[in-house]
Amino acid sequence: MVVVVELSIVPLGSGVSVGRLIAAAVKELERLGVKYQVTAMSTVYEASSIGEAFRVAEAAHEAVFKAGAVRLITTVKVDDRRDRKRKGMEEKVEAVERLLREGLTRT
């Protein structure tokens, strides 16, 4: 089973530029061996279970505090699909790209 997670950590009270703090969260994902993708607004990663998904989110959250944050707003979105096996987070993107190539978009 692959659980796809979107994680957004927003440091408050740490100034305008918070890239250093977010980098600490990403380094924690790397340390944990998590497959992830950083985007402009959040980080998406894969977990093997719902429990792992939340443990990884907590570890990233704590890493940002350890890096010097004083307050965080953390949002976690979980896509936990159990009706079929999923290859990974790329599968969701590839499905949309395939539909766009084939002209099968719906309104």
Protein backbone atom coordinates (compact mmCIF):
# COMPACT_ATOMS: atom_id res chain seq x y z
CA MET A 1 0.00 0.00 0.00
CA VAL A 2 1.23 3.49 -0.83
CA VAL A 3 -0.18 6.43 1.09
CA VAL A 4 0.41 9.80 -0.58
CA VAL A 5 0.80 12.73 1.79
CA GLU A 6 0.90 16.49 1.24
CA LEU A 7 2.72 18.31 4.03
CA SER A 8 2.81 22.06 4.49
CA ILE A 9 4.76 23.59 7.37
CA VAL A 10 4.49 27.35 7.81
CA PRO A 11 6.80 28.94 10.39
CA LEU A 12 5.34 32.03 12.08
CA GLY A 13 7.36 34.71 13.81
CA SER A 14 10.55 33.65 12.05
CA GLY A 15 10.84 36.46 9.52
CA VAL A 16 9.97 36.63 5.85
CA SER A 17 12.52 34.14 4.51
CA VAL A 18 11.95 30.70 6.01
CA GLY A 19 13.74 28.51 3.48
CA ARG A 20 16.37 27.54 6.06
CA LEU A 21 13.65 26.20 8.34
CA ILE A 22 11.85 24.30 5.58
CA ALA A 23 15.16 22.78 4.50
CA ALA A 24 15.40 21.23 7.97
CA ALA A 25 12.10 19.42 7.36
CA VAL A 26 13.28 18.16 3.97
CA LYS A 27 16.55 16.96 5.48
CA GLU A 28 14.52 14.98 8.00
CA LEU A 29 12.61 13.32 5.16
CA GLU A 30 15.93 12.41 3.58
CA ARG A 31 17.26 11.07 6.87
CA LEU A 32 14.17 8.87 7.15
CA GLY A 33 14.62 7.59 3.59
CA VAL A 34 11.26 8.94 2.45
CA LYS A 35 10.51 9.39 -1.24
CA TYR A 36 9.39 13.02 -1.60
CA GLN A 37 8.85 15.91 -4.00
CA VAL A 38 9.20 19.54 -2.94
CA THR A 39 6.80 21.98 -4.61
CA ALA A 40 6.47 25.74 -4.29
CA MET A 41 3.75 25.47 -1.64
CA SER A 42 4.19 22.08 0.04
CA THR A 43 6.04 18.79 0.03
CA VAL A 44 4.46 15.56 -1.17
CA TYR A 45 5.77 12.23 0.06
CA GLU A 46 4.97 8.54 0.13
CA ALA A 47 4.47 6.31 3.14
CA SER A 48 3.77 2.60 3.43
CA SER A 49 0.97 3.05 5.98
CA ILE A 50 -1.17 5.70 7.62
CA GLY A 51 0.90 5.34 10.78
CA GLU A 52 4.14 5.98 8.91
CA ALA A 53 2.54 8.94 7.14
CA PHE A 54 1.83 10.68 10.44
CA ARG A 55 5.17 9.70 12.04
CA VAL A 56 7.02 11.29 9.12
CA ALA A 57 4.88 14.45 9.36
CA GLU A 58 5.61 14.69 13.09
CA ALA A 59 9.35 14.19 12.54
CA ALA A 60 9.44 16.95 9.90
CA HIS A 61 7.39 19.25 12.15
CA GLU A 62 9.79 18.69 15.07
CA ALA A 63 12.84 19.20 12.83
CA VAL A 64 11.62 22.71 12.00
CA PHE A 65 11.30 23.53 15.71
CA LYS A 66 14.82 22.18 16.30
CA ALA A 67 16.04 24.46 13.50
CA GLY A 68 14.82 27.50 15.45
CA ALA A 69 11.14 28.03 14.68
CA VAL A 70 9.02 29.32 17.55
CA ARG A 71 5.57 28.67 16.09
CA LEU A 72 4.33 26.46 13.25
CA ILE A 73 1.16 25.92 11.32
CA THR A 74 1.35 22.39 9.89
CA THR A 75 -1.20 20.97 7.50
CA VAL A 76 -1.27 17.30 6.51
CA LYS A 77 -3.44 15.90 3.70
CA VAL A 78 -3.54 12.14 3.24
CA ASP A 79 -4.65 10.19 0.17
CA ASP A 80 -5.16 6.65 1.48
CA ARG A 81 -6.66 4.59 -1.35
CA ARG A 82 -7.36 0.95 -0.50
CA ASP A 83 -9.49 -0.29 -3.38
CA ARG A 84 -6.45 -0.99 -5.59
CA LYS A 85 -2.66 -1.12 -5.39
CA ARG A 86 -0.88 2.10 -6.21
CA LYS A 87 2.62 2.34 -7.68
CA GLY A 88 3.40 5.68 -6.10
CA MET A 89 2.73 9.39 -6.16
CA GLU A 90 3.86 9.71 -9.79
CA GLU A 91 0.96 7.52 -10.86
CA LYS A 92 -1.52 10.29 -10.00
CA VAL A 93 0.38 12.88 -12.07
CA GLU A 94 0.89 10.48 -14.97
CA ALA A 95 -2.85 9.76 -15.13
CA VAL A 96 -3.67 13.46 -15.57
CA GLU A 97 -0.85 13.97 -18.09
CA ARG A 98 -2.08 10.96 -20.11
CA LEU A 99 -5.62 12.37 -20.22
CA LEU A 100 -4.31 15.74 -21.37
CA ARG A 101 -2.25 14.13 -24.15
CA GLU A 102 -5.25 12.07 -25.28
CA GLY A 103 -7.58 15.07 -25.18
CA LEU A 104 -9.88 13.35 -22.72
CA THR A 105 -10.40 16.23 -20.35
CA ARG A 106 -13.85 16.74 -18.91
CA THR A 107 -15.52 19.94 -17.83
